[in-house]
């Protein structure tokens, strides 16, 4: 009995005694993205509603909300200001000790999927200033010296299509990068894909 009561408090505490707020899917995802009730996840790929209300687990719930918003594409345009702000001041990618959770990358890609012209300067900034991975609680002593995030920014710019044509000079510079590491190779491939998609997109 006490276990059931405790579970109820955990589930409903972050969402309020009235449960998760109503509204359309985008507004509920915006609420989750900004720390509200964790209603949706992308465990398994596609966005889906969680079974019941789930206690907000912080960065993981933010990542799920971003990925869900990205899957909605332009239909999630009302969330673009939230995504823009989060690229600048929101959570970073972090290492759990067993792998990197791409929180910021998911936000950046979602901005490219949902955004329009207002996304372009933010994505160019993200491309020019990638961030090192942070150490999560399970990654004791971990410190990444290699910035990451360029691949996500290139993917986001590719999603913008013709809107990203002003970004082509910056993207083409990355095609000249020496491919010394696997990450360098991924960045160059992402830059090639972005150039192809942007150049063949119509306004």
N, C-alpha and C. Protein backbone atom coordinates (compact mmCIF):
# COMPACT_ATOMS: atom_id res chain seq x y z
N UNK A 1 0.83 -1.21 0.00
CA UNK A 1 0.00 0.00 0.00
C UNK A 1 0.86 1.26 0.00
N UNK A 2 1.88 1.28 0.90
CA UNK A 2 2.75 2.44 0.97
C UNK A 2 3.50 2.62 -0.33
N UNK A 3 3.89 1.51 -0.99
CA UNK A 3 4.58 1.60 -2.28
C UNK A 3 3.70 2.25 -3.33
N UNK A 4 2.42 1.87 -3.33
CA UNK A 4 1.49 2.46 -4.30
C UNK A 4 1.31 3.94 -4.09
N UNK A 5 1.22 4.35 -2.83
CA UNK A 5 1.07 5.78 -2.53
C UNK A 5 2.30 6.55 -2.97
N UNK A 6 3.50 5.99 -2.69
CA UNK A 6 4.73 6.65 -3.06
C UNK A 6 4.84 6.78 -4.58
N UNK A 7 4.48 5.71 -5.31
CA UNK A 7 4.52 5.76 -6.76
C UNK A 7 3.58 6.84 -7.28
N UNK A 8 2.40 6.93 -6.67
CA UNK A 8 1.45 7.95 -7.10
C UNK A 8 2.01 9.34 -6.91
N UNK A 9 2.71 9.57 -5.79
CA UNK A 9 3.29 10.88 -5.55
C UNK A 9 4.37 11.19 -6.56
N UNK A 10 5.18 10.19 -6.92
CA UNK A 10 6.23 10.40 -7.91
C UNK A 10 5.63 10.73 -9.27
N UNK A 11 4.59 10.02 -9.65
CA UNK A 11 4.00 10.21 -10.96
C UNK A 11 3.28 11.53 -11.08
N UNK A 12 2.56 11.91 -10.03
CA UNK A 12 1.73 13.10 -10.12
C UNK A 12 2.42 14.35 -9.59
N UNK A 13 3.52 14.18 -8.82
CA UNK A 13 4.15 15.33 -8.20
C UNK A 13 4.63 16.36 -9.20
N UNK A 14 5.27 15.89 -10.29
CA UNK A 14 5.81 16.82 -11.27
C UNK A 14 4.72 17.38 -12.17
N UNK A 15 3.58 16.71 -12.24
CA UNK A 15 2.53 17.11 -13.17
C UNK A 15 1.41 17.88 -12.49
N UNK A 16 1.47 17.97 -11.17
CA UNK A 16 0.40 18.64 -10.45
C UNK A 16 -0.71 17.67 -10.08
N UNK A 17 -1.46 18.02 -9.07
CA UNK A 17 -2.49 17.11 -8.58
C UNK A 17 -3.60 16.87 -9.60
N UNK A 18 -3.73 17.79 -10.54
CA UNK A 18 -4.76 17.62 -11.56
C UNK A 18 -4.31 16.78 -12.73
N UNK A 19 -3.10 16.25 -12.69
CA UNK A 19 -2.59 15.48 -13.81
C UNK A 19 -2.00 16.39 -14.87
N UNK A 20 -1.71 15.81 -16.02
CA UNK A 20 -1.09 16.56 -17.10
C UNK A 20 -2.07 17.57 -17.68
N UNK A 21 -1.56 18.70 -18.15
CA UNK A 21 -2.46 19.70 -18.72
C UNK A 21 -3.05 19.22 -20.03
N UNK A 22 -4.20 19.79 -20.39
CA UNK A 22 -4.82 19.45 -21.67
C UNK A 22 -4.20 20.26 -22.80
N UNK A 23 -4.93 20.35 -23.90
CA UNK A 23 -4.43 21.09 -25.04
C UNK A 23 -4.06 20.16 -26.17
N UNK A 24 -3.67 20.77 -27.30
CA UNK A 24 -3.31 19.93 -28.44
C UNK A 24 -1.92 19.32 -28.22
N UNK A 25 -1.55 18.44 -29.12
CA UNK A 25 -0.31 17.67 -28.95
C UNK A 25 0.92 18.58 -28.89
N UNK A 26 0.96 19.60 -29.75
CA UNK A 26 2.13 20.48 -29.76
C UNK A 26 2.26 21.22 -28.43
N UNK A 27 1.16 21.72 -27.90
CA UNK A 27 1.23 22.44 -26.63
C UNK A 27 1.64 21.51 -25.49
N UNK A 28 1.17 20.30 -25.51
CA UNK A 28 1.57 19.33 -24.48
C UNK A 28 3.06 18.99 -24.60
N UNK A 29 3.55 18.89 -25.83
CA UNK A 29 4.98 18.64 -26.03
C UNK A 29 5.82 19.84 -25.61
N UNK A 30 5.31 21.05 -25.86
CA UNK A 30 6.02 22.24 -25.40
C UNK A 30 6.11 22.26 -23.88
N UNK A 31 5.03 21.87 -23.24
CA UNK A 31 5.03 21.80 -21.78
C UNK A 31 6.08 20.80 -21.29
N UNK A 32 6.12 19.64 -21.91
CA UNK A 32 7.12 18.63 -21.53
C UNK A 32 8.53 19.15 -21.79
N UNK A 33 8.73 19.80 -22.92
CA UNK A 33 10.05 20.32 -23.28
C UNK A 33 10.55 21.33 -22.26
N UNK A 34 9.62 22.05 -21.67
CA UNK A 34 9.98 23.09 -20.70
C UNK A 34 9.85 22.63 -19.25
N UNK A 35 9.88 21.32 -19.04
CA UNK A 35 9.93 20.78 -17.68
C UNK A 35 8.61 20.30 -17.13
N UNK A 36 7.56 20.32 -17.96
CA UNK A 36 6.26 19.85 -17.50
C UNK A 36 6.16 18.34 -17.54
N UNK A 37 4.95 17.87 -17.46
CA UNK A 37 4.69 16.44 -17.38
C UNK A 37 5.28 15.70 -18.59
N UNK A 38 5.93 14.57 -18.31
CA UNK A 38 6.60 13.79 -19.35
C UNK A 38 5.61 12.81 -19.97
N UNK A 39 4.79 13.29 -20.88
CA UNK A 39 3.73 12.49 -21.46
C UNK A 39 4.18 11.62 -22.63
N UNK A 40 5.23 12.05 -23.35
CA UNK A 40 5.59 11.40 -24.60
C UNK A 40 7.04 10.94 -24.58
N UNK A 41 7.32 9.89 -25.34
CA UNK A 41 8.70 9.44 -25.49
C UNK A 41 8.93 8.96 -26.91
N UNK A 42 10.20 8.80 -27.26
CA UNK A 42 10.56 8.28 -28.57
C UNK A 42 11.38 7.01 -28.42
N UNK A 43 11.22 6.32 -27.31
CA UNK A 43 11.91 5.04 -27.13
C UNK A 43 11.38 4.07 -28.18
N UNK A 44 12.21 3.70 -29.12
CA UNK A 44 11.74 2.86 -30.22
C UNK A 44 11.60 3.62 -31.51
N UNK A 45 11.83 4.93 -31.50
CA UNK A 45 11.83 5.71 -32.73
C UNK A 45 10.68 6.67 -32.85
N UNK A 46 9.48 6.16 -33.08
CA UNK A 46 8.33 7.03 -33.30
C UNK A 46 7.85 7.63 -31.98
N UNK A 47 7.34 8.84 -32.06
CA UNK A 47 6.79 9.49 -30.87
C UNK A 47 5.52 8.77 -30.43
N UNK A 48 5.43 8.50 -29.14
CA UNK A 48 4.25 7.81 -28.63
C UNK A 48 3.95 8.34 -27.23
N UNK A 49 2.70 8.22 -26.85
CA UNK A 49 2.30 8.62 -25.50
C UNK A 49 2.76 7.56 -24.52
N UNK A 50 3.29 7.99 -23.39
CA UNK A 50 3.68 7.06 -22.34
C UNK A 50 2.43 6.40 -21.76
N UNK A 51 2.62 5.24 -21.17
CA UNK A 51 1.52 4.57 -20.47
C UNK A 51 1.31 5.30 -19.14
N UNK A 52 0.26 6.08 -19.06
CA UNK A 52 0.03 6.86 -17.85
C UNK A 52 0.96 8.05 -17.82
N UNK A 53 0.92 8.81 -16.75
CA UNK A 53 1.76 9.98 -16.59
C UNK A 53 3.06 9.57 -15.94
N UNK A 54 4.15 10.07 -16.47
CA UNK A 54 5.47 9.69 -16.02
C UNK A 54 6.15 10.88 -15.37
N UNK A 55 6.82 10.65 -14.26
CA UNK A 55 7.58 11.71 -13.61
C UNK A 55 8.62 12.27 -14.58
N UNK A 56 8.74 13.58 -14.62
CA UNK A 56 9.69 14.19 -15.55
C UNK A 56 11.11 13.84 -15.13
N UNK A 57 11.86 13.22 -16.06
CA UNK A 57 13.23 12.80 -15.77
C UNK A 57 14.26 13.78 -16.31
N UNK A 58 13.86 15.02 -16.49
CA UNK A 58 14.81 16.06 -16.88
C UNK A 58 15.24 15.95 -18.32
N UNK A 59 16.55 15.80 -18.52
CA UNK A 59 17.10 15.90 -19.87
C UNK A 59 16.55 14.85 -20.82
N UNK A 60 16.27 13.66 -20.34
CA UNK A 60 15.74 12.63 -21.22
C UNK A 60 14.35 13.00 -21.72
N UNK A 61 13.52 13.57 -20.86
CA UNK A 61 12.19 14.01 -21.27
C UNK A 61 12.27 15.19 -22.23
N UNK A 62 13.25 16.05 -22.04
CA UNK A 62 13.47 17.16 -22.97
C UNK A 62 13.84 16.60 -24.34
N UNK A 63 14.72 15.62 -24.38
CA UNK A 63 15.12 15.01 -25.65
C UNK A 63 13.93 14.38 -26.35
N UNK A 64 13.12 13.63 -25.60
CA UNK A 64 11.94 13.00 -26.20
C UNK A 64 11.00 14.04 -26.79
N UNK A 65 10.78 15.12 -26.02
CA UNK A 65 9.88 16.17 -26.52
C UNK A 65 10.43 16.81 -27.78
N UNK A 66 11.74 17.07 -27.82
CA UNK A 66 12.35 17.66 -29.01
C UNK A 66 12.19 16.74 -30.20
N UNK A 67 12.44 15.46 -30.02
CA UNK A 67 12.32 14.52 -31.13
C UNK A 67 10.88 14.42 -31.62
N UNK A 68 9.94 14.44 -30.70
CA UNK A 68 8.52 14.42 -31.09
C UNK A 68 8.16 15.67 -31.88
N UNK A 69 8.62 16.83 -31.42
CA UNK A 69 8.33 18.07 -32.13
C UNK A 69 8.96 18.04 -33.52
N UNK A 70 10.17 17.50 -33.62
CA UNK A 70 10.81 17.39 -34.92
C UNK A 70 10.03 16.50 -35.86
N UNK A 71 9.47 15.40 -35.34
CA UNK A 71 8.69 14.50 -36.18
C UNK A 71 7.42 15.16 -36.70
N UNK A 72 6.92 16.15 -35.97
CA UNK A 72 5.75 16.88 -36.44
C UNK A 72 6.09 17.89 -37.53
N UNK A 73 7.36 18.27 -37.64
CA UNK A 73 7.80 19.18 -38.69
C UNK A 73 7.17 20.56 -38.57
N UNK A 74 6.80 21.18 -39.69
CA UNK A 74 6.23 22.54 -39.66
C UNK A 74 4.97 22.65 -38.82
N UNK A 75 4.29 21.54 -38.55
CA UNK A 75 3.10 21.60 -37.69
C UNK A 75 3.46 22.01 -36.27
N UNK A 76 4.74 21.90 -35.92
CA UNK A 76 5.20 22.30 -34.59
C UNK A 76 5.84 23.68 -34.60
N UNK A 77 5.48 24.52 -35.56
CA UNK A 77 6.10 25.85 -35.69
C UNK A 77 5.96 26.69 -34.43
N UNK A 78 4.88 26.51 -33.67
CA UNK A 78 4.69 27.32 -32.46
C UNK A 78 5.74 27.00 -31.40
N UNK A 79 6.44 25.86 -31.54
CA UNK A 79 7.48 25.48 -30.57
C UNK A 79 8.85 26.00 -30.96
N UNK A 80 8.98 26.62 -32.14
CA UNK A 80 10.29 27.07 -32.61
C UNK A 80 10.96 28.03 -31.62
N UNK A 81 10.25 29.01 -31.03
CA UNK A 81 10.93 29.86 -30.04
C UNK A 81 11.50 29.09 -28.85
N UNK A 82 10.82 28.04 -28.42
CA UNK A 82 11.33 27.21 -27.33
C UNK A 82 12.62 26.51 -27.76
N UNK A 83 12.62 25.98 -28.98
CA UNK A 83 13.79 25.27 -29.50
C UNK A 83 14.96 26.23 -29.69
N UNK A 84 14.68 27.42 -30.20
CA UNK A 84 15.72 28.43 -30.39
C UNK A 84 16.39 28.76 -29.07
N UNK A 85 15.59 29.01 -28.05
CA UNK A 85 16.15 29.35 -26.74
C UNK A 85 16.97 28.19 -26.18
N UNK A 86 16.49 26.97 -26.36
CA UNK A 86 17.18 25.81 -25.80
C UNK A 86 18.51 25.53 -26.49
N UNK A 87 18.63 25.86 -27.78
CA UNK A 87 19.92 25.68 -28.44
C UNK A 87 20.97 26.56 -27.78
N UNK A 88 20.55 27.74 -27.36
CA UNK A 88 21.49 28.66 -26.72
C UNK A 88 21.76 28.37 -25.27
N UNK A 89 20.71 28.03 -24.53
CA UNK A 89 20.87 27.95 -23.07
C UNK A 89 20.38 26.62 -22.47
N UNK A 90 19.92 25.72 -23.31
CA UNK A 90 19.34 24.48 -22.80
C UNK A 90 20.37 23.41 -22.50
N UNK A 91 19.90 22.21 -22.23
CA UNK A 91 20.80 21.12 -21.84
C UNK A 91 21.70 20.66 -22.98
N UNK A 92 22.87 20.18 -22.61
CA UNK A 92 23.87 19.73 -23.57
C UNK A 92 23.78 18.21 -23.75
N UNK A 93 24.50 17.69 -24.77
CA UNK A 93 24.72 16.25 -24.85
C UNK A 93 25.53 15.82 -23.62
N UNK A 94 25.26 14.62 -23.12
CA UNK A 94 26.03 14.16 -21.96
C UNK A 94 26.32 12.68 -22.05
N UNK A 95 27.44 12.31 -21.44
CA UNK A 95 27.89 10.93 -21.46
C UNK A 95 27.45 10.23 -20.18
N UNK A 96 26.79 9.09 -20.34
CA UNK A 96 26.31 8.34 -19.18
C UNK A 96 27.35 7.38 -18.62
N UNK A 97 28.45 7.22 -19.34
CA UNK A 97 29.41 6.17 -19.01
C UNK A 97 29.23 4.97 -19.91
N UNK A 98 28.03 4.82 -20.47
CA UNK A 98 27.74 3.74 -21.43
C UNK A 98 27.46 4.28 -22.82
N UNK A 99 27.51 5.58 -22.97
CA UNK A 99 27.23 6.18 -24.27
C UNK A 99 26.74 7.60 -24.10
N UNK A 100 26.70 8.33 -25.20
CA UNK A 100 26.30 9.73 -25.19
C UNK A 100 24.80 9.84 -25.45
N UNK A 101 24.12 10.62 -24.62
CA UNK A 101 22.71 10.94 -24.82
C UNK A 101 22.65 12.28 -25.56
N UNK A 102 22.17 12.29 -26.80
CA UNK A 102 22.28 13.50 -27.64
C UNK A 102 21.15 14.49 -27.42
N UNK A 103 21.09 15.08 -26.25
CA UNK A 103 19.99 15.99 -25.93
C UNK A 103 20.04 17.24 -26.81
N UNK A 104 21.18 17.93 -26.80
CA UNK A 104 21.28 19.16 -27.59
C UNK A 104 21.18 18.86 -29.08
N UNK A 105 21.79 17.77 -29.52
CA UNK A 105 21.68 17.41 -30.93
C UNK A 105 20.23 17.21 -31.35
N UNK A 106 19.44 16.58 -30.48
CA UNK A 106 18.02 16.37 -30.80
C UNK A 106 17.27 17.69 -30.90
N UNK A 107 17.62 18.64 -30.04
CA UNK A 107 17.00 19.96 -30.09
C UNK A 107 17.37 20.68 -31.38
N UNK A 108 18.65 20.62 -31.75
CA UNK A 108 19.13 21.29 -32.96
C UNK A 108 18.43 20.71 -34.20
N UNK A 109 18.35 19.38 -34.28
CA UNK A 109 17.71 18.74 -35.44
C UNK A 109 16.23 19.08 -35.49
N UNK A 110 15.57 19.08 -34.33
CA UNK A 110 14.15 19.43 -34.29
C UNK A 110 13.92 20.86 -34.78
N UNK A 111 14.85 21.75 -34.46
CA UNK A 111 14.73 23.13 -34.93
C UNK A 111 14.78 23.18 -36.46
N UNK A 112 15.64 22.38 -37.05
CA UNK A 112 15.69 22.33 -38.50
C UNK A 112 14.44 21.73 -39.11
N UNK A 113 13.84 20.77 -38.44
CA UNK A 113 12.64 20.12 -38.96
C UNK A 113 11.40 21.01 -38.82
N UNK A 114 11.32 21.75 -37.74
CA UNK A 114 10.12 22.55 -37.46
C UNK A 114 10.27 24.01 -37.86
N UNK A 115 11.51 24.48 -37.95
CA UNK A 115 11.74 25.91 -38.10
C UNK A 115 11.73 26.37 -39.54
N UNK A 116 11.85 27.67 -39.70
CA UNK A 116 11.94 28.30 -41.00
C UNK A 116 13.10 29.26 -40.99
N UNK A 117 12.90 30.46 -41.50
CA UNK A 117 13.98 31.43 -41.59
C UNK A 117 14.55 31.80 -40.23
N UNK A 118 13.70 31.84 -39.20
CA UNK A 118 14.21 32.22 -37.87
C UNK A 118 15.16 31.19 -37.29
N UNK A 119 15.13 29.96 -37.83
CA UNK A 119 16.04 28.92 -37.35
C UNK A 119 17.44 29.07 -37.92
N UNK A 120 17.57 29.70 -39.09
CA UNK A 120 18.85 29.70 -39.80
C UNK A 120 20.01 30.30 -39.01
N UNK A 121 19.90 31.52 -38.47
CA UNK A 121 21.05 32.06 -37.74
C UNK A 121 21.43 31.23 -36.52
N UNK A 122 20.45 30.64 -35.87
CA UNK A 122 20.73 29.82 -34.69
C UNK A 122 21.48 28.55 -35.10
N UNK A 123 21.09 27.96 -36.21
CA UNK A 123 21.76 26.75 -36.68
C UNK A 123 23.17 27.05 -37.19
N UNK A 124 23.36 28.21 -37.81
CA UNK A 124 24.71 28.60 -38.23
C UNK A 124 25.62 28.78 -37.02
N UNK A 125 25.07 29.35 -35.96
CA UNK A 125 25.83 29.51 -34.71
C UNK A 125 26.18 28.15 -34.12
N UNK A 126 25.22 27.23 -34.14
CA UNK A 126 25.47 25.89 -33.62
C UNK A 126 26.52 25.17 -34.44
N UNK A 127 26.54 25.40 -35.75
CA UNK A 127 27.54 24.78 -36.62
C UNK A 127 28.92 25.34 -36.34
N UNK A 128 29.01 26.65 -36.11
CA UNK A 128 30.30 27.30 -35.91
C UNK A 128 30.87 27.05 -34.51
N UNK A 129 30.00 26.77 -33.54
CA UNK A 129 30.45 26.64 -32.15
C UNK A 129 29.91 25.37 -31.51
N UNK A 130 30.40 24.20 -31.97
CA UNK A 130 29.97 22.96 -31.33
C UNK A 130 30.48 22.88 -29.89
N UNK A 131 29.77 22.12 -29.07
CA UNK A 131 30.12 22.03 -27.64
C UNK A 131 30.70 20.67 -27.30
N UNK A 132 31.63 20.62 -26.33
CA UNK A 132 32.08 19.32 -25.84
C UNK A 132 30.95 18.60 -25.11
N UNK A 133 31.03 17.27 -25.10
CA UNK A 133 30.06 16.47 -24.35
C UNK A 133 30.31 16.67 -22.86
N UNK A 134 29.22 16.75 -22.07
CA UNK A 134 29.36 16.85 -20.63
C UNK A 134 29.38 15.45 -20.01
N UNK A 135 29.96 15.36 -18.85
CA UNK A 135 29.97 14.10 -18.11
C UNK A 135 28.69 13.98 -17.31
N UNK A 136 27.97 12.88 -17.50
CA UNK A 136 26.80 12.59 -16.70
C UNK A 136 27.19 11.94 -15.39
N UNK A 137 26.21 11.64 -14.53
CA UNK A 137 26.52 11.05 -13.22
C UNK A 137 27.28 9.73 -13.30
N UNK A 138 27.06 8.96 -14.37
CA UNK A 138 27.73 7.66 -14.49
C UNK A 138 29.08 7.72 -15.17
N UNK A 139 29.48 8.90 -15.64
CA UNK A 139 30.73 9.04 -16.39
C UNK A 139 31.76 9.74 -15.53
N UNK A 140 32.12 9.12 -14.41
CA UNK A 140 33.06 9.73 -13.46
C UNK A 140 34.42 9.87 -14.13
N UNK A 141 34.96 11.08 -14.05
CA UNK A 141 36.28 11.34 -14.61
C UNK A 141 36.29 11.55 -16.11
N UNK A 142 35.13 11.53 -16.74
CA UNK A 142 35.07 11.70 -18.20
C UNK A 142 35.23 13.17 -18.55
N UNK A 143 36.03 13.44 -19.55
CA UNK A 143 36.16 14.81 -20.05
C UNK A 143 36.44 14.73 -21.54
N UNK A 144 35.54 15.25 -22.33
CA UNK A 144 35.71 15.23 -23.78
C UNK A 144 36.42 16.49 -24.23
N UNK A 145 37.51 16.30 -24.96
CA UNK A 145 38.22 17.44 -25.51
C UNK A 145 37.75 17.76 -26.92
N UNK A 146 36.95 16.88 -27.51
CA UNK A 146 36.53 17.04 -28.89
C UNK A 146 35.11 17.57 -28.96
N UNK A 147 34.90 18.76 -29.52
CA UNK A 147 33.54 19.28 -29.61
C UNK A 147 32.69 18.44 -30.56
N UNK A 148 31.43 18.33 -30.25
CA UNK A 148 30.50 17.63 -31.13
C UNK A 148 29.28 18.52 -31.35
N UNK A 149 28.54 18.22 -32.38
CA UNK A 149 27.35 19.00 -32.66
C UNK A 149 27.29 19.45 -34.11
N UNK A 150 28.41 19.41 -34.81
CA UNK A 150 28.41 19.84 -36.21
C UNK A 150 27.51 18.94 -37.07
N UNK A 151 27.57 17.65 -36.81
CA UNK A 151 26.76 16.71 -37.60
C UNK A 151 25.28 17.01 -37.43
N UNK A 152 24.86 17.29 -36.19
CA UNK A 152 23.45 17.61 -35.93
C UNK A 152 23.06 18.92 -36.61
N UNK A 153 23.94 19.92 -36.55
CA UNK A 153 23.64 21.21 -37.18
C UNK A 153 23.52 21.05 -38.69
N UNK A 154 24.37 20.23 -39.29
CA UNK A 154 24.30 19.98 -40.73
C UNK A 154 23.01 19.25 -41.09
N UNK A 155 22.62 18.30 -40.27
CA UNK A 155 21.36 17.59 -40.51
C UNK A 155 20.19 18.57 -40.44
N UNK A 156 20.23 19.47 -39.46
CA UNK A 156 19.15 20.46 -39.30
C UNK A 156 19.11 21.39 -40.51
N UNK A 157 20.27 21.85 -40.98
CA UNK A 157 20.31 22.74 -42.14
C UNK A 157 19.80 22.01 -43.39
N UNK A 158 20.09 20.73 -43.49
CA UNK A 158 19.57 19.94 -44.62
C UNK A 158 18.05 19.93 -44.59
N UNK A 159 17.47 19.80 -43.40
CA UNK A 159 16.01 19.80 -43.28
C UNK A 159 15.41 21.15 -43.68
N UNK A 160 16.16 22.23 -43.50
CA UNK A 160 15.64 23.56 -43.87
C UNK A 160 15.52 23.71 -45.38
N UNK A 161 16.24 22.91 -46.13
CA UNK A 161 16.17 22.98 -47.58
C UNK A 161 16.64 24.30 -48.13
N UNK A 162 15.88 24.88 -49.07
CA UNK A 162 16.29 26.10 -49.75
C UNK A 162 16.49 27.27 -48.79
N UNK A 163 15.80 27.26 -47.67
CA UNK A 163 15.96 28.33 -46.68
C UNK A 163 17.40 28.43 -46.20
N UNK A 164 18.14 27.31 -46.27
CA UNK A 164 19.52 27.27 -45.77
C UNK A 164 20.55 27.63 -46.83
N UNK A 165 20.13 28.13 -47.99
CA UNK A 165 21.11 28.46 -49.04
C UNK A 165 22.17 29.46 -48.58
N UNK A 166 21.84 30.45 -47.73
CA UNK A 166 22.90 31.33 -47.23
C UNK A 166 23.97 30.61 -46.40
N UNK A 167 23.67 29.40 -45.96
CA UNK A 167 24.64 28.63 -45.15
C UNK A 167 25.62 27.85 -46.01
N UNK A 168 25.41 27.80 -47.33
CA UNK A 168 26.25 26.94 -48.17
C UNK A 168 27.75 27.25 -48.09
N UNK A 169 28.17 28.51 -48.04
CA UNK A 169 29.62 28.74 -47.91
C UNK A 169 30.23 28.11 -46.65
N UNK A 170 29.54 28.23 -45.53
CA UNK A 170 30.05 27.63 -44.29
C UNK A 170 30.05 26.12 -44.38
N UNK A 171 29.03 25.55 -45.01
CA UNK A 171 28.95 24.10 -45.12
C UNK A 171 30.05 23.59 -46.04
N UNK A 172 30.29 24.28 -47.15
CA UNK A 172 31.31 23.82 -48.11
C UNK A 172 32.71 23.83 -47.50
N UNK A 173 32.96 24.72 -46.56
CA UNK A 173 34.27 24.72 -45.89
C UNK A 173 34.52 23.40 -45.18
N UNK A 174 33.46 22.79 -44.67
CA UNK A 174 33.62 21.52 -43.96
C UNK A 174 33.95 20.38 -44.90
N UNK A 175 33.66 20.53 -46.18
CA UNK A 175 34.01 19.49 -47.14
C UNK A 175 35.52 19.34 -47.29
N UNK A 176 36.26 20.39 -46.90
CA UNK A 176 37.72 20.36 -47.01
C UNK A 176 38.39 19.80 -45.76
N UNK A 177 37.61 19.42 -44.77
CA UNK A 177 38.20 18.95 -43.51
C UNK A 177 38.97 17.65 -43.73
N UNK A 178 40.21 17.57 -43.20
CA UNK A 178 40.94 16.29 -43.25
C UNK A 178 40.18 15.23 -42.45
N UNK A 179 40.02 14.06 -43.00
CA UNK A 179 39.21 13.02 -42.37
C UNK A 179 40.10 12.10 -41.53
N UNK A 180 40.57 12.67 -40.41
CA UNK A 180 41.50 11.93 -39.54
C UNK A 180 40.79 10.97 -38.60
N UNK A 181 39.57 11.31 -38.22
CA UNK A 181 38.83 10.49 -37.26
C UNK A 181 37.48 10.09 -37.85
N UNK A 182 36.82 9.14 -37.17
CA UNK A 182 35.49 8.73 -37.60
C UNK A 182 34.52 9.90 -37.52
N UNK A 183 34.70 10.77 -36.52
CA UNK A 183 33.82 11.93 -36.41
C UNK A 183 34.03 12.88 -37.58
N UNK A 184 35.29 13.09 -37.99
CA UNK A 184 35.56 13.92 -39.16
C UNK A 184 34.85 13.36 -40.39
N UNK A 185 34.90 12.06 -40.55
CA UNK A 185 34.25 11.42 -41.71
C UNK A 185 32.74 11.62 -41.68
N UNK A 186 32.14 11.50 -40.48
CA UNK A 186 30.69 11.70 -40.37
C UNK A 186 30.32 13.15 -40.70
N UNK A 187 31.13 14.09 -40.24
CA UNK A 187 30.85 15.50 -40.50
C UNK A 187 30.93 15.79 -42.00
N UNK A 188 31.95 15.27 -42.66
CA UNK A 188 32.09 15.49 -44.10
C UNK A 188 30.91 14.88 -44.85
N UNK A 189 30.50 13.66 -44.48
CA UNK A 189 29.35 13.04 -45.14
C UNK A 189 28.07 13.85 -44.91
N UNK A 190 27.91 14.35 -43.69
CA UNK A 190 26.73 15.18 -43.38
C UNK A 190 26.76 16.47 -44.18
N UNK A 191 27.96 17.06 -44.36
CA UNK A 191 28.08 18.28 -45.15
C UNK A 191 27.74 18.00 -46.62
N UNK A 192 28.20 16.88 -47.14
CA UNK A 192 27.87 16.52 -48.52
C UNK A 192 26.36 16.36 -48.70
N UNK A 193 25.72 15.68 -47.76
CA UNK A 193 24.27 15.48 -47.84
C UNK A 193 23.53 16.81 -47.74
N UNK A 194 24.02 17.72 -46.89
CA UNK A 194 23.38 19.03 -46.73
C UNK A 194 23.49 19.84 -48.01
N UNK A 195 24.67 19.85 -48.62
CA UNK A 195 24.85 20.61 -49.86
C UNK A 195 23.91 20.08 -50.94
N UNK A 196 23.83 18.77 -51.08
CA UNK A 196 22.95 18.18 -52.11
C UNK A 196 21.50 18.58 -51.87
N UNK A 197 21.05 18.45 -50.63
CA UNK A 197 19.64 18.73 -50.31
C UNK A 197 19.32 20.21 -50.50
N UNK A 198 20.21 21.08 -50.08
CA UNK A 198 19.94 22.53 -50.17
C UNK A 198 19.98 23.00 -51.61
N UNK A 199 20.96 22.52 -52.36
CA UNK A 199 21.09 22.97 -53.75
C UNK A 199 19.93 22.49 -54.63
N UNK A 200 19.35 21.36 -54.30
CA UNK A 200 18.28 20.83 -55.14
C UNK A 200 16.89 21.22 -54.64
N UNK A 201 16.83 21.98 -53.55
CA UNK A 201 15.54 22.42 -53.02
C UNK A 201 15.08 23.68 -53.73
N UNK A 202 13.80 23.77 -53.95
CA UNK A 202 13.23 24.97 -54.57
C UNK A 202 12.68 25.88 -53.50
N UNK A 203 12.72 27.17 -53.73
CA UNK A 203 12.16 28.14 -52.79
C UNK A 203 10.64 28.02 -52.81
